[in-house]
PDB file of N, CA and C in Angstrom:
ATOM      1  N   MET A   1      65.378 -73.929 -96.663  1.00  0.00           N
ATOM      2  CA  MET A   1      66.468 -72.847 -97.252  1.00  0.00           C
ATOM      3  C   MET A   1      67.632 -73.513 -97.180  1.00  0.00           C
ATOM      4  N   GLU A   2      68.349 -74.086 -98.476  1.00  0.00           N
ATOM      5  CA  GLU A   2      69.378 -75.561 -98.481  1.00  0.00           C
ATOM      6  C   GLU A   2      70.355 -74.945 -97.926  1.00  0.00           C
ATOM      7  N   THR A   3      71.323 -75.860 -97.340  1.00  0.00           N
ATOM      8  CA  THR A   3      72.272 -74.847 -95.899  1.00  0.00           C
ATOM      9  C   THR A   3      73.481 -76.252 -96.571  1.00  0.00           C
ATOM     10  N   ASN A   4      75.187 -76.302 -96.149  1.00  0.00           N
ATOM     11  CA  ASN A   4      76.375 -76.613 -96.674  1.00  0.00           C
ATOM     12  C   ASN A   4      76.533 -76.527 -98.113  1.00  0.00           C
ATOM     13  N   ASN A   5      76.661 -75.619 -98.746  1.00  0.00           N
ATOM     14  CA  ASN A   5      76.687 -74.821 -99.828  1.00  0.00           C
ATOM     15  C   ASN A   5      77.807 -74.389 -99.496  1.00  0.00           C
ATOM     16  N   PRO A   6      78.749 -74.616-100.908  1.00  0.00           N
ATOM     17  CA  PRO A   6      80.146 -73.599-101.053  1.00  0.00           C
ATOM     18  C   PRO A   6      79.242 -72.229-100.423  1.00  0.00           C
ATOM     19  N   ILE A   7      80.678 -71.153-100.388  1.00  0.00           N
ATOM     20  CA  ILE A   7      79.959 -70.003-100.180  1.00  0.00           C
ATOM     21  C   ILE A   7      81.236 -69.241-100.807  1.00  0.00           C
ATOM     22  N   VAL A   8      80.544 -67.981-101.298  1.00  0.00           N
ATOM     23  CA  VAL A   8      81.209 -67.350-102.068  1.00  0.00           C
ATOM     24  C   VAL A   8      81.933 -66.033-101.346  1.00  0.00           C
ATOM     25  N   GLU A   9      83.181 -65.615-101.071  1.00  0.00           N
ATOM     26  CA  GLU A   9      83.440 -64.809-100.673  1.00  0.00           C
ATOM     27  C   GLU A   9      83.401 -63.182-101.303  1.00  0.00           C
ATOM     28  N   PRO A  10      81.992 -62.317-100.843  1.00  0.00           N
ATOM     29  CA  PRO A  10      82.367 -61.313-101.679  1.00  0.00           C
ATOM     30  C   PRO A  10      83.421 -60.237-101.560  1.00  0.00           C
ATOM     31  N   LYS A  11      83.849 -59.673-102.996  1.00  0.00           N
ATOM     32  CA  LYS A  11      84.792 -58.349-103.030  1.00  0.00           C
ATOM     33  C   LYS A  11      85.064 -57.660-102.195  1.00  0.00           C
ATOM     34  N   SER A  12      85.360 -56.417-102.270  1.00  0.00           N
ATOM     35  CA  SER A  12      85.586 -55.692-101.101  1.00  0.00           C
ATOM     36  C   SER A  12      85.740 -54.420-101.811  1.00  0.00           C
ATOM     37  N   PRO A  13      84.521 -54.129-102.614  1.00  0.00           N
ATOM     38  CA  PRO A  13      84.389 -52.772-103.591  1.00  0.00           C
ATOM     39  C   PRO A  13      84.976 -50.907-102.433  1.00  0.00           C
ATOM     40  N   ALA A  14      85.510 -50.559-103.238  1.00  0.00           N
ATOM     41  CA  ALA A  14      85.688 -49.697-103.188  1.00  0.00           C
ATOM     42  C   ALA A  14      84.659 -48.180-102.539  1.00  0.00           C
ATOM     43  N   SER A  15      83.967 -47.759-103.071  1.00  0.00           N
ATOM     44  CA  SER A  15      83.186 -47.300-102.654  1.00  0.00           C
ATOM     45  C   SER A  15      81.305 -47.636-102.602  1.00  0.00           C
ATOM     46  N   VAL A  16      80.949 -47.197-102.410  1.00  0.00           N
ATOM     47  CA  VAL A  16      79.026 -47.102-102.589  1.00  0.00           C
ATOM     48  C   VAL A  16      78.793 -47.457-104.176  1.00  0.00           C
ATOM     49  N   LYS A  17      79.008 -46.788-104.619  1.00  0.00           N
ATOM     50  CA  LYS A  17      78.619 -46.257-106.081  1.00  0.00           C
ATOM     51  C   LYS A  17      79.297 -47.803-107.052  1.00  0.00           C
ATOM     52  N   GLU A  18      80.227 -48.662-106.439  1.00  0.00           N
ATOM     53  CA  GLU A  18      80.619 -49.541-107.044  1.00  0.00           C
ATOM     54  C   GLU A  18      79.739 -50.669-106.814  1.00  0.00           C
ATOM     55  N   VAL A  19      80.147 -50.368-105.237  1.00  0.00           N
ATOM     56  CA  VAL A  19      78.737 -51.603-104.653  1.00  0.00           C
ATOM     57  C   VAL A  19      77.426 -51.618-105.605  1.00  0.00           C
ATOM     58  N   LEU A  20      77.159 -50.724-105.343  1.00  0.00           N
ATOM     59  CA  LEU A  20      76.040 -50.421-106.551  1.00  0.00           C
ATOM     60  C   LEU A  20      75.638 -50.868-108.149  1.00  0.00           C
ATOM     61  N   GLN A  21      76.881 -50.671-108.597  1.00  0.00           N
ATOM     62  CA  GLN A  21      76.919 -50.838-109.645  1.00  0.00           C
ATOM     63  C   GLN A  21      76.934 -52.325-110.059  1.00  0.00           C
ATOM     64  N   LEU A  22      77.324 -52.366-109.373  1.00  0.00           N
ATOM     65  CA  LEU A  22      78.422 -54.224-108.764  1.00  0.00           C
ATOM     66  C   LEU A  22      76.816 -55.331-108.852  1.00  0.00           C
ATOM     67  N   ALA A  23      76.062 -54.459-107.996  1.00  0.00           N
ATOM     68  CA  ALA A  23      74.842 -54.873-107.475  1.00  0.00           C
ATOM     69  C   ALA A  23      74.014 -55.429-108.545  1.00  0.00           C
ATOM     70  N   LYS A  24      74.010 -54.280-109.279  1.00  0.00           N
ATOM     71  CA  LYS A  24      72.769 -53.300-110.814  1.00  0.00           C
ATOM     72  C   LYS A  24      73.653 -54.775-111.521  1.00  0.00           C
ATOM     73  N   GLU A  25      74.744 -55.273-111.672  1.00  0.00           N
ATOM     74  CA  GLU A  25      75.154 -55.811-112.641  1.00  0.00           C
ATOM     75  C   GLU A  25      74.680 -57.531-112.537  1.00  0.00           C
ATOM     76  N   LYS A  26      74.253 -57.851-111.375  1.00  0.00           N
ATOM     77  CA  LYS A  26      74.102 -59.102-110.969  1.00  0.00           C
ATOM     78  C   LYS A  26      72.720 -59.239-111.456  1.00  0.00           C
ATOM     79  N   ILE A  27      71.953 -58.205-110.880  1.00  0.00           N
ATOM     80  CA  ILE A  27      70.579 -58.932-111.077  1.00  0.00           C
ATOM     81  C   ILE A  27      70.251 -57.822-112.607  1.00  0.00           C
ATOM     82  N   SER A  28      70.877 -57.184-113.441  1.00  0.00           N
ATOM     83  CA  SER A  28      70.450 -56.990-114.475  1.00  0.00           C
ATOM     84  C   SER A  28      69.676 -57.478-115.314  1.00  0.00           C
ATOM     85  N   LYS A  29      69.881 -58.687-115.355  1.00  0.00           N
ATOM     86  CA  LYS A  29      68.734 -59.608-116.415  1.00  0.00           C
ATOM     87  C   LYS A  29      68.022 -60.482-115.593  1.00  0.00           C
ATOM     88  N   GLU A  30      66.331 -60.176-115.862  1.00  0.00           N
ATOM     89  CA  GLU A  30      65.006 -60.280-115.119  1.00  0.00           C
ATOM     90  C   GLU A  30      65.957 -61.569-114.249  1.00  0.00           C
ATOM     91  N   ALA A  31      66.531 -62.588-114.903  1.00  0.00           N
ATOM     92  CA  ALA A  31      66.556 -64.167-115.188  1.00  0.00           C
ATOM     93  C   ALA A  31      66.797 -64.455-113.888  1.00  0.00           C
ATOM     94  N   ASN A  32      68.261 -63.079-113.421  1.00  0.00           N
ATOM     95  CA  ASN A  32      68.603 -62.942-111.873  1.00  0.00           C
ATOM     96  C   ASN A  32      68.525 -62.082-110.897  1.00  0.00           C
ATOM     97  N   TRP A  33      67.077 -62.180-110.693  1.00  0.00           N
ATOM     98  CA  TRP A  33      66.084 -60.916-109.573  1.00  0.00           C
ATOM     99  C   TRP A  33      65.606 -62.303-109.076  1.00  0.00           C
ATOM    100  N   THR A  34      65.227 -61.821-108.053  1.00  0.00           N
ATOM    101  CA  THR A  34      63.890 -62.312-107.109  1.00  0.00           C
ATOM    102  C   THR A  34      63.683 -61.278-106.161  1.00  0.00           C
ATOM    103  N   GLN A  35      62.118 -61.974-105.767  1.00  0.00           N
ATOM    104  CA  GLN A  35      61.801 -61.528-104.783  1.00  0.00           C
ATOM    105  C   GLN A  35      61.531 -62.614-103.702  1.00  0.00           C
ATOM    106  N   ARG A  36      61.229 -61.861-102.022  1.00  0.00           N
ATOM    107  CA  ARG A  36      60.890 -62.188-101.045  1.00  0.00           C
ATOM    108  C   ARG A  36      62.038 -63.732-100.728  1.00  0.00           C
ATOM    109  N   ALA A  37      62.697 -63.371-101.117  1.00  0.00           N
ATOM    110  CA  ALA A  37      63.777 -63.947-100.772  1.00  0.00           C
ATOM    111  C   ALA A  37      65.210 -63.452-100.898  1.00  0.00           C
ATOM    112  N   PHE A  38      66.916 -63.085-100.291  1.00  0.00           N
ATOM    113  CA  PHE A  38      67.571 -62.695-100.527  1.00  0.00           C
ATOM    114  C   PHE A  38      68.409 -63.036-101.534  1.00  0.00           C
ATOM    115  N   ALA A  39      67.957 -64.888-102.166  1.00  0.00           N
ATOM    116  CA  ALA A  39      69.103 -65.181-103.025  1.00  0.00           C
ATOM    117  C   ALA A  39      67.717 -66.761-103.481  1.00  0.00           C
ATOM    118  N   ARG A  40      68.553 -67.253-104.549  1.00  0.00           N
ATOM    119  CA  ARG A  40      67.374 -68.433-104.827  1.00  0.00           C
ATOM    120  C   ARG A  40      68.749 -69.477-105.358  1.00  0.00           C
ATOM    121  N   ASN A  41      68.514 -70.671-105.607  1.00  0.00           N
ATOM    122  CA  ASN A  41      69.053 -71.633-106.785  1.00  0.00           C
ATOM    123  C   ASN A  41      68.985 -71.862-108.138  1.00  0.00           C
ATOM    124  N   GLU A  42      68.988 -72.834-108.609  1.00  0.00           N
ATOM    125  CA  GLU A  42      68.328 -72.910-110.081  1.00  0.00           C
ATOM    126  C   GLU A  42      67.203 -73.884-109.753  1.00  0.00           C
ATOM    127  N   ARG A  43      66.744 -74.114-108.899  1.00  0.00           N
ATOM    128  CA  ARG A  43      65.165 -74.941-108.973  1.00  0.00           C
ATOM    129  C   ARG A  43      64.511 -73.862-107.730  1.00  0.00           C
ATOM    130  N   ASP A  44      64.600 -72.775-107.768  1.00  0.00           N
ATOM    131  CA  ASP A  44      64.069 -71.527-107.132  1.00  0.00           C
ATOM    132  C   ASP A  44      64.315 -71.756-105.762  1.00  0.00           C
ATOM    133  N   VAL A  45      64.871 -72.309-104.916  1.00  0.00           N
ATOM    134  CA  VAL A  45      64.771 -72.340-104.029  1.00  0.00           C
ATOM    135  C   VAL A  45      65.874 -71.757-102.718  1.00  0.00           C
ATOM    136  N   GLU A  46      65.296 -70.667-101.935  1.00  0.00           N
ATOM    137  CA  GLU A  46      65.354 -69.630-101.386  1.00  0.00           C
ATOM    138  C   GLU A  46      66.936 -70.482-100.700  1.00  0.00           C
ATOM    139  N   THR A  47      67.961 -69.634-100.736  1.00  0.00           N
ATOM    140  CA  THR A  47      69.421 -70.007-100.294  1.00  0.00           C
ATOM    141  C   THR A  47      69.906 -68.521-100.110  1.00  0.00           C
ATOM    142  N   PHE A  48      71.482 -68.832 -99.498  1.00  0.00           N
ATOM    143  CA  PHE A  48      71.649 -67.300 -98.696  1.00  0.00           C
ATOM    144  C   PHE A  48      72.553 -67.032-100.158  1.00  0.00           C
ATOM    145  N   TYR A  49      72.545 -65.592 -99.440  1.00  0.00           N
ATOM    146  CA  TYR A  49      73.175 -64.639-100.633  1.00  0.00           C
ATOM    147  C   TYR A  49      74.687 -65.308-101.412  1.00  0.00           C
ATOM    148  N   ASN A  50      75.573 -65.685-100.445  1.00  0.00           N
ATOM    149  CA  ASN A  50      76.673 -65.600-100.634  1.00  0.00           C
ATOM    150  C   ASN A  50      76.980 -67.178-101.163  1.00  0.00           C
ATOM    151  N   ASP A  51      75.894 -67.790-101.021  1.00  0.00           N
ATOM    152  CA  ASP A  51      75.719 -69.678-102.153  1.00  0.00           C
ATOM    153  C   ASP A  51      76.230 -69.777-103.286  1.00  0.00           C
ATOM    154  N   ALA A  52      77.612 -69.828-103.499  1.00  0.00           N
ATOM    155  CA  ALA A  52      78.126 -70.450-104.627  1.00  0.00           C
ATOM    156  C   ALA A  52      76.568 -71.143-105.791  1.00  0.00           C
ATOM    157  N   ARG A  53      75.646 -71.321-105.316  1.00  0.00           N
ATOM    158  CA  ARG A  53      74.857 -72.294-105.940  1.00  0.00           C
ATOM    159  C   ARG A  53      73.594 -70.933-106.508  1.00  0.00           C
ATOM    160  N   ALA A  54      73.679 -70.133-106.106  1.00  0.00           N
ATOM    161  CA  ALA A  54      72.809 -69.039-105.667  1.00  0.00           C
ATOM    162  C   ALA A  54      72.982 -68.187-107.318  1.00  0.00           C
ATOM    163  N   CYS A  55      71.563 -68.046-107.986  1.00  0.00           N
ATOM    164  CA  CYS A  55      71.758 -67.374-109.421  1.00  0.00           C
ATOM    165  C   CYS A  55      70.877 -66.205-109.324  1.00  0.00           C
ATOM    166  N   ARG A  56      69.969 -65.841-108.631  1.00  0.00           N
ATOM    167  CA  ARG A  56      68.944 -64.793-108.432  1.00  0.00           C
ATOM    168  C   ARG A  56      69.450 -64.719-107.220  1.00  0.00           C
ATOM    169  N   TRP A  57      68.616 -62.683-106.964  1.00  0.00           N
ATOM    170  CA  TRP A  57      69.132 -62.306-105.942  1.00  0.00           C
ATOM    171  C   TRP A  57      67.870 -60.966-105.877  1.00  0.00           C
ATOM    172  N   CYS A  58      67.509 -60.850-104.604  1.00  0.00           N
ATOM    173  CA  CYS A  58      66.928 -59.279-104.427  1.00  0.00           C
ATOM    174  C   CYS A  58      67.708 -58.620-104.545  1.00  0.00           C
ATOM    175  N   ALA A  59      66.895 -56.945-104.675  1.00  0.00           N
ATOM    176  CA  ALA A  59      68.001 -55.795-104.373  1.00  0.00           C
ATOM    177  C   ALA A  59      69.251 -55.926-102.985  1.00  0.00           C
ATOM    178  N   LEU A  60      68.910 -56.423-102.432  1.00  0.00           N
ATOM    179  CA  LEU A  60      69.678 -55.930-100.550  1.00  0.00           C
ATOM    180  C   LEU A  60      69.967 -57.926-101.190  1.00  0.00           C
ATOM    181  N   GLY A  61      69.901 -58.101-101.663  1.00  0.00           N
ATOM    182  CA  GLY A  61      70.889 -59.705-101.572  1.00  0.00           C
ATOM    183  C   GLY A  61      72.085 -59.576-102.624  1.00  0.00           C
ATOM    184  N   ALA A  62      71.588 -58.903-103.708  1.00  0.00           N
ATOM    185  CA  ALA A  62      72.564 -58.401-104.259  1.00  0.00           C
ATOM    186  C   ALA A  62      73.769 -57.105-103.899  1.00  0.00           C
ATOM    187  N   VAL A  63      73.236 -56.651-102.825  1.00  0.00           N
ATOM    188  CA  VAL A  63      74.430 -55.420-102.536  1.00  0.00           C
ATOM    189  C   VAL A  63      75.305 -56.832-101.241  1.00  0.00           C
ATOM    190  N   PHE A  64      74.285 -57.333-100.646  1.00  0.00           N
ATOM    191  CA  PHE A  64      75.582 -58.438 -99.842  1.00  0.00           C
ATOM    192  C   PHE A  64      76.256 -59.566-100.734  1.00  0.00           C
ATOM    193  N   ALA A  65      76.037 -59.694-101.558  1.00  0.00           N
ATOM    194  CA  ALA A  65      76.486 -60.682-102.109  1.00  0.00           C
ATOM    195  C   ALA A  65      78.454 -60.315-102.581  1.00  0.00           C
ATOM    196  N   VAL A  66      78.233 -58.667-103.175  1.00  0.00           N
ATOM    197  CA  VAL A  66      78.915 -57.846-103.672  1.00  0.00           C
ATOM    198  C   VAL A  66      79.721 -57.202-102.856  1.00  0.00           C
ATOM    199  N   ALA A  67      79.573 -56.765-101.680  1.00  0.00           N
ATOM    200  CA  ALA A  67      79.780 -56.120-100.104  1.00  0.00           C
ATOM    201  C   ALA A  67      80.026 -57.150 -99.072  1.00  0.00           C
ATOM    202  N   GLY A  68      79.462 -58.248 -98.779  1.00  0.00           N
ATOM    203  CA  GLY A  68      79.340 -58.849 -97.432  1.00  0.00           C
ATOM    204  C   GLY A  68      78.528 -57.785 -96.825  1.00  0.00           C
ATOM    205  N   THR A  69      78.119 -58.614 -95.254  1.00  0.00           N
ATOM    206  CA  THR A  69      76.895 -57.420 -94.310  1.00  0.00           C
ATOM    207  C   THR A  69      77.995 -56.999 -93.517  1.00  0.00           C
ATOM    208  N   ASN A  70      79.228 -57.115 -93.298  1.00  0.00           N
ATOM    209  CA  ASN A  70      79.704 -56.538 -91.738  1.00  0.00           C
ATOM    210  C   ASN A  70      81.128 -55.476 -92.108  1.00  0.00           C
ATOM    211  N   SER A  71      81.173 -54.814 -93.374  1.00  0.00           N
ATOM    212  CA  SER A  71      81.632 -53.582 -94.177  1.00  0.00           C
ATOM    213  C   SER A  71      81.236 -52.264 -93.545  1.00  0.00           C
ATOM    214  N   ALA A  72      82.043 -51.356 -93.710  1.00  0.00           N
ATOM    215  CA  ALA A  72      81.640 -49.880 -94.105  1.00  0.00           C
ATOM    216  C   ALA A  72      80.942 -49.692 -95.087  1.00  0.00           C
ATOM    217  N   VAL A  73      81.353 -50.063 -96.039  1.00  0.00           N
ATOM    218  CA  VAL A  73      80.966 -49.885 -97.448  1.00  0.00           C
ATOM    219  C   VAL A  73      79.437 -50.090 -97.643  1.00  0.00           C
ATOM    220  N   SER A  74      79.088 -51.264 -97.334  1.00  0.00           N
ATOM    221  CA  SER A  74      78.197 -52.126 -97.155  1.00  0.00           C
ATOM    222  C   SER A  74      76.879 -51.549 -96.697  1.00  0.00           C
ATOM    223  N   TYR A  75      77.612 -51.200 -94.832  1.00  0.00           N
ATOM    224  CA  TYR A  75      76.387 -49.828 -94.536  1.00  0.00           C
ATOM    225  C   TYR A  75      75.928 -49.188 -95.407  1.00  0.00           C
ATOM    226  N   ASP A  76      77.166 -48.194 -95.392  1.00  0.00           N
ATOM    227  CA  ASP A  76      76.938 -46.853 -96.254  1.00  0.00           C
ATOM    228  C   ASP A  76      75.796 -47.545 -97.290  1.00  0.00           C
ATOM    229  N   THR A  77      75.897 -48.343 -98.407  1.00  0.00           N
ATOM    230  CA  THR A  77      75.255 -48.370 -99.456  1.00  0.00           C
ATOM    231  C   THR A  77      73.978 -49.069 -98.772  1.00  0.00           C
ATOM    232  N   LEU A  78      73.713 -49.646 -97.908  1.00  0.00           N
ATOM    233  CA  LEU A  78      72.324 -49.894 -97.816  1.00  0.00           C
ATOM    234  C   LEU A  78      71.319 -48.768 -97.229  1.00  0.00           C
ATOM    235  N   LEU A  79      72.197 -47.680 -96.529  1.00  0.00           N
ATOM    236  CA  LEU A  79      71.955 -46.268 -95.590  1.00  0.00           C
ATOM    237  C   LEU A  79      70.973 -45.146 -97.341  1.00  0.00           C
ATOM    238  N   ALA A  80      72.347 -45.485 -98.529  1.00  0.00           N
ATOM    239  CA  ALA A  80      72.083 -44.844-100.030  1.00  0.00           C
ATOM    240  C   ALA A  80      70.602 -45.331-100.183  1.00  0.00           C
ATOM    241  N   LEU A  81      71.008 -46.934-100.629  1.00  0.00           N
ATOM    242  CA  LEU A  81      69.818 -47.385-101.004  1.00  0.00           C
ATOM    243  C   LEU A  81      68.379 -47.114-100.255  1.00  0.00           C
ATOM    244  N   GLN A  82      68.400 -47.457 -98.803  1.00  0.00           N
ATOM    245  CA  GLN A  82      67.324 -46.954 -98.023  1.00  0.00           C
ATOM    246  C   GLN A  82      67.378 -45.318 -98.211  1.00  0.00           C
ATOM    247  N   SER A  83      67.529 -44.992 -98.296  1.00  0.00           N
ATOM    248  CA  SER A  83      67.566 -42.664 -98.749  1.00  0.00           C
ATOM    249  C   SER A  83      66.475 -42.594-100.176  1.00  0.00           C
ATOM    250  N   ALA A  84      66.880 -43.383-100.837  1.00  0.00           N
ATOM    251  CA  ALA A  84      66.849 -43.276-101.856  1.00  0.00           C
ATOM    252  C   ALA A  84      64.816 -43.922-102.504  1.00  0.00           C
ATOM    253  N   SER A  85      64.985 -45.104-101.523  1.00  0.00           N
ATOM    254  CA  SER A  85      64.138 -45.770-101.868  1.00  0.00           C
ATOM    255  C   SER A  85      62.429 -45.422-100.785  1.00  0.00           C
ATOM    256  N   ASN A  86      63.185 -43.927 -99.722  1.00  0.00           N
ATOM    257  CA  ASN A  86      62.241 -43.781 -99.329  1.00  0.00           C
ATOM    258  C   ASN A  86      61.665 -42.534 -99.734  1.00  0.00           C
ATOM    259  N   LYS A  87      62.449 -41.745-100.316  1.00  0.00           N
ATOM    260  CA  LYS A  87      62.004 -40.677-101.577  1.00  0.00           C
ATOM    261  C   LYS A  87      61.162 -41.377-102.474  1.00  0.00           C
ATOM    262  N   LEU A  88      61.604 -42.478-102.929  1.00  0.00           N
ATOM    263  CA  LEU A  88      61.062 -42.626-103.964  1.00  0.00           C
ATOM    264  C   LEU A  88      59.675 -43.267-103.957  1.00  0.00           C
ATOM    265  N   THR A  89      59.490 -44.445-102.915  1.00  0.00           N
ATOM    266  CA  THR A  89      58.523 -45.146-102.456  1.00  0.00           C
ATOM    267  C   THR A  89      57.699 -44.930-101.002  1.00  0.00           C
ATOM    268  N   ASN A  90      58.718 -44.093-100.234  1.00  0.00           N
ATOM    269  CA  ASN A  90      58.526 -43.864 -99.049  1.00  0.00           C
ATOM    270  C   ASN A  90      58.030 -45.611 -98.168  1.00  0.00           C
ATOM    271  N   CYS A  91      58.836 -46.852 -98.598  1.00  0.00           N
ATOM    272  CA  CYS A  91      59.127 -48.139 -97.840  1.00  0.00           C
ATOM    273  C   CYS A  91      60.055 -48.398 -97.953  1.00  0.00           C
ATOM    274  N   SER A  92      60.626 -49.806 -97.313  1.00  0.00           N
ATOM    275  CA  SER A  92      62.437 -50.056 -97.146  1.00  0.00           C
ATOM    276  C   SER A  92      62.138 -50.211 -98.659  1.00  0.00           C
ATOM    277  N   VAL A  93      63.442 -50.657 -98.635  1.00  0.00           N
ATOM    278  CA  VAL A  93      64.294 -51.415-100.308  1.00  0.00           C
ATOM    279  C   VAL A  93      63.730 -53.166-100.181  1.00  0.00           C
ATOM    280  N   SER A  94      63.266 -53.624 -99.029  1.00  0.00           N
ATOM    281  CA  SER A  94      62.547 -55.077 -98.906  1.00  0.00           C
ATOM    282  C   SER A  94      61.345 -54.992 -99.271  1.00  0.00           C
ATOM    283  N   LEU A  95      60.213 -54.223 -98.513  1.00  0.00           N
ATOM    284  CA  LEU A  95      59.087 -54.141 -98.981  1.00  0.00           C
ATOM    285  C   LEU A  95      58.999 -53.552-100.187  1.00  0.00           C
ATOM    286  N   PHE A  96      59.706 -52.618-100.932  1.00  0.00           N
ATOM    287  CA  PHE A  96      59.667 -52.502-102.602  1.00  0.00           C
ATOM    288  C   PHE A  96      60.126 -53.642-103.122  1.00  0.00           C
ATOM    289  N   ASN A  97      61.183 -53.856-103.325  1.00  0.00           N
ATOM    290  CA  ASN A  97      61.511 -55.257-103.939  1.00  0.00           C
ATOM    291  C   ASN A  97      60.370 -56.539-104.155  1.00  0.00           C
ATOM    292  N   ASP A  98      59.747 -56.803-102.865  1.00  0.00           N
ATOM    293  CA  ASP A  98      59.081 -57.751-103.013  1.00  0.00           C
ATOM    294  C   ASP A  98      57.395 -57.607-103.244  1.00  0.00           C
ATOM    295  N   ASP A  99      57.118 -56.257-102.953  1.00  0.00           N
ATOM    296  CA  ASP A  99      55.862 -55.759-103.406  1.00  0.00           C
ATOM    297  C   ASP A  99      55.458 -56.928-105.197  1.00  0.00           C
ATOM    298  N   PHE A 100      54.028 -57.730-104.696  1.00  0.00           N
ATOM    299  CA  PHE A 100      53.520 -58.649-106.082  1.00  0.00           C
ATOM    300  C   PHE A 100      53.428 -56.749-107.205  1.00  0.00           C
ATOM    301  N   GLU A 101      53.307 -55.866-107.215  1.00  0.00           N
ATOM    302  CA  GLU A 101      53.408 -54.712-108.130  1.00  0.00           C
ATOM    303  C   GLU A 101      54.712 -54.339-108.586  1.00  0.00           C
ATOM    304  N   THR A 102      55.883 -54.523-107.983  1.00  0.00           N
ATOM    305  CA  THR A 102      57.190 -54.492-108.264  1.00  0.00           C
ATOM    306  C   THR A 102      57.930 -55.117-109.127  1.00  0.00           C
ATOM    307  N   SER A 103      58.124 -54.474-110.362  1.00  0.00           N
ATOM    308  CA  SER A 103      58.353 -54.804-111.624  1.00  0.00           C
ATOM    309  C   SER A 103      59.862 -54.913-111.461  1.00  0.00           C
ATOM    310  N   HIS A 104      60.964 -55.971-111.979  1.00  0.00           N
ATOM    311  CA  HIS A 104      62.617 -55.898-112.010  1.00  0.00           C
ATOM    312  C   HIS A 104      63.020 -54.361-112.424  1.00  0.00           C
ATOM    313  N   GLY A 105      62.053 -53.921-113.291  1.00  0.00           N
ATOM    314  CA  GLY A 105      62.543 -52.314-113.538  1.00  0.00           C
ATOM    315  C   GLY A 105      62.699 -51.701-112.743  1.00  0.00           C
ATOM    316  N   ASP A 106      61.561 -51.500-111.749  1.00  0.00           N
ATOM    317  CA  ASP A 106      61.271 -50.420-111.010  1.00  0.00           C
ATOM    318  C   ASP A 106      62.299 -50.834-109.788  1.00  0.00           C
ATOM    319  N   VAL A 107      62.619 -52.365-110.108  1.00  0.00           N
ATOM    320  CA  VAL A 107      64.098 -52.351-108.961  1.00  0.00           C
ATOM    321  C   VAL A 107      65.389 -51.491-109.232  1.00  0.00           C
ATOM    322  N   LEU A 108      65.813 -52.116-110.736  1.00  0.00           N
ATOM    323  CA  LEU A 108      66.959 -51.316-111.709  1.00  0.00           C
ATOM    324  C   LEU A 108      66.635 -50.388-111.777  1.00  0.00           C
ATOM    325  N   ALA A 109      65.439 -49.156-111.530  1.00  0.00           N
ATOM    326  CA  ALA A 109      65.501 -48.043-111.822  1.00  0.00           C
ATOM    327  C   ALA A 109      66.205 -47.333-109.819  1.00  0.00           C
ATOM    328  N   LEU A 110      65.678 -48.450-108.985  1.00  0.00           N
ATOM    329  CA  LEU A 110      66.183 -47.316-107.661  1.00  0.00           C
ATOM    330  C   LEU A 110      67.755 -47.519-107.346  1.00  0.00           C
ATOM    331  N   LEU A 111      67.958 -48.781-108.249  1.00  0.00           N
ATOM    332  CA  LEU A 111      69.536 -48.379-108.291  1.00  0.00           C
ATOM    333  C   LEU A 111      70.106 -47.371-108.995  1.00  0.00           C
ATOM    334  N   ASP A 112      69.570 -47.535-110.264  1.00  0.00           N
ATOM    335  CA  ASP A 112      70.019 -46.389-110.936  1.00  0.00           C
ATOM    336  C   ASP A 112      69.787 -44.572-110.592  1.00  0.00           C
ATOM    337  N   ILE A 113      69.325 -44.297-109.439  1.00  0.00           N
ATOM    338  CA  ILE A 113      68.584 -43.346-108.837  1.00  0.00           C
ATOM    339  C   ILE A 113      69.520 -43.186-107.774  1.00  0.00           C
ATOM    340  N   THR A 114      70.035 -44.351-106.964  1.00  0.00           N
ATOM    341  CA  THR A 114      70.419 -44.273-106.091  1.00  0.00           C
ATOM    342  C   THR A 114      71.991 -44.134-106.347  1.00  0.00           C
ATOM    343  N   ILE A 115      72.676 -44.948-107.429  1.00  0.00           N
ATOM    344  CA  ILE A 115      73.766 -44.298-108.537  1.00  0.00           C
ATOM    345  C   ILE A 115      74.225 -43.336-109.056  1.00  0.00           C
ATOM    346  N   GLU A 116      73.248 -42.640-109.231  1.00  0.00           N
ATOM    347  CA  GLU A 116      73.008 -41.264-109.326  1.00  0.00           C
ATOM    348  C   GLU A 116      73.466 -39.770-108.653  1.00  0.00           C
ATOM    349  N   GLU A 117      72.569 -40.598-107.388  1.00  0.00           N
ATOM    350  CA  GLU A 117      72.613 -39.305-106.396  1.00  0.00           C
ATOM    351  C   GLU A 117      74.479 -40.278-105.482  1.00  0.00           C
ATOM    352  N   GLU A 118      74.459 -41.071-105.906  1.00  0.00           N
ATOM    353  CA  GLU A 118      76.163 -40.984-105.028  1.00  0.00           C
ATOM    354  C   GLU A 118      76.946 -40.549-105.570  1.00  0.00           C
ATOM    355  N   THR A 119      76.585 -40.968-107.418  1.00  0.00           N
ATOM    356  CA  THR A 119      77.719 -39.759-108.593  1.00  0.00           C
ATOM    357  C   THR A 119      77.692 -38.298-108.055  1.00  0.00           C
ATOM    358  N   LYS A 120      76.589 -37.697-107.621  1.00  0.00           N
ATOM    359  CA  LYS A 120      76.665 -36.259-107.456  1.00  0.00           C
ATOM    360  C   LYS A 120      76.826 -35.816-106.192  1.00  0.00           C
ATOM    361  N   LYS A 121      77.334 -37.060-105.147  1.00  0.00           N
ATOM    362  CA  LYS A 121      78.140 -36.793-104.486  1.00  0.00           C
ATOM    363  C   LYS A 121      79.728 -36.692-104.406  1.00  0.00           C
ATOM    364  N   GLY A 122      80.482 -36.721-105.655  1.00  0.00           N
ATOM    365  CA  GLY A 122      81.632 -37.257-106.772  1.00  0.00           C
ATOM    366  C   GLY A 122      82.363 -38.279-105.450  1.00  0.00           C
ATOM    367  N   LEU A 123      81.204 -39.038-105.033  1.00  0.00           N
ATOM    368  CA  LEU A 123      82.147 -40.395-104.216  1.00  0.00           C
ATOM    369  C   LEU A 123      82.871 -41.608-105.206  1.00  0.00           C
TER     370      LEU A 123
END
């Protein structure tokens, strides 16, 4: 993993739904999604999710890139995403994202399902 790279400070999304929508937007193109790393740079080298040179993220890396790791909304987002993953796949978000049989479309569908559940809650 490369170090000493410029850091991008995450924004402060107001809700779980907003975090999910921004994370989905971040990996909406397949070229911006990855497996088996939170993030990768243009040379496909694993890097930190908040590295300014990161251009590909896994589902969790996209959430962290959008909301950071130490906020209540990022924690609540992880809980919501994990709950949806448990219902859909019976495994963790990271295992689902990193499974060789999981496609980019599968990960976007998980995000869509979680966004829909948050919409139903009225958040």
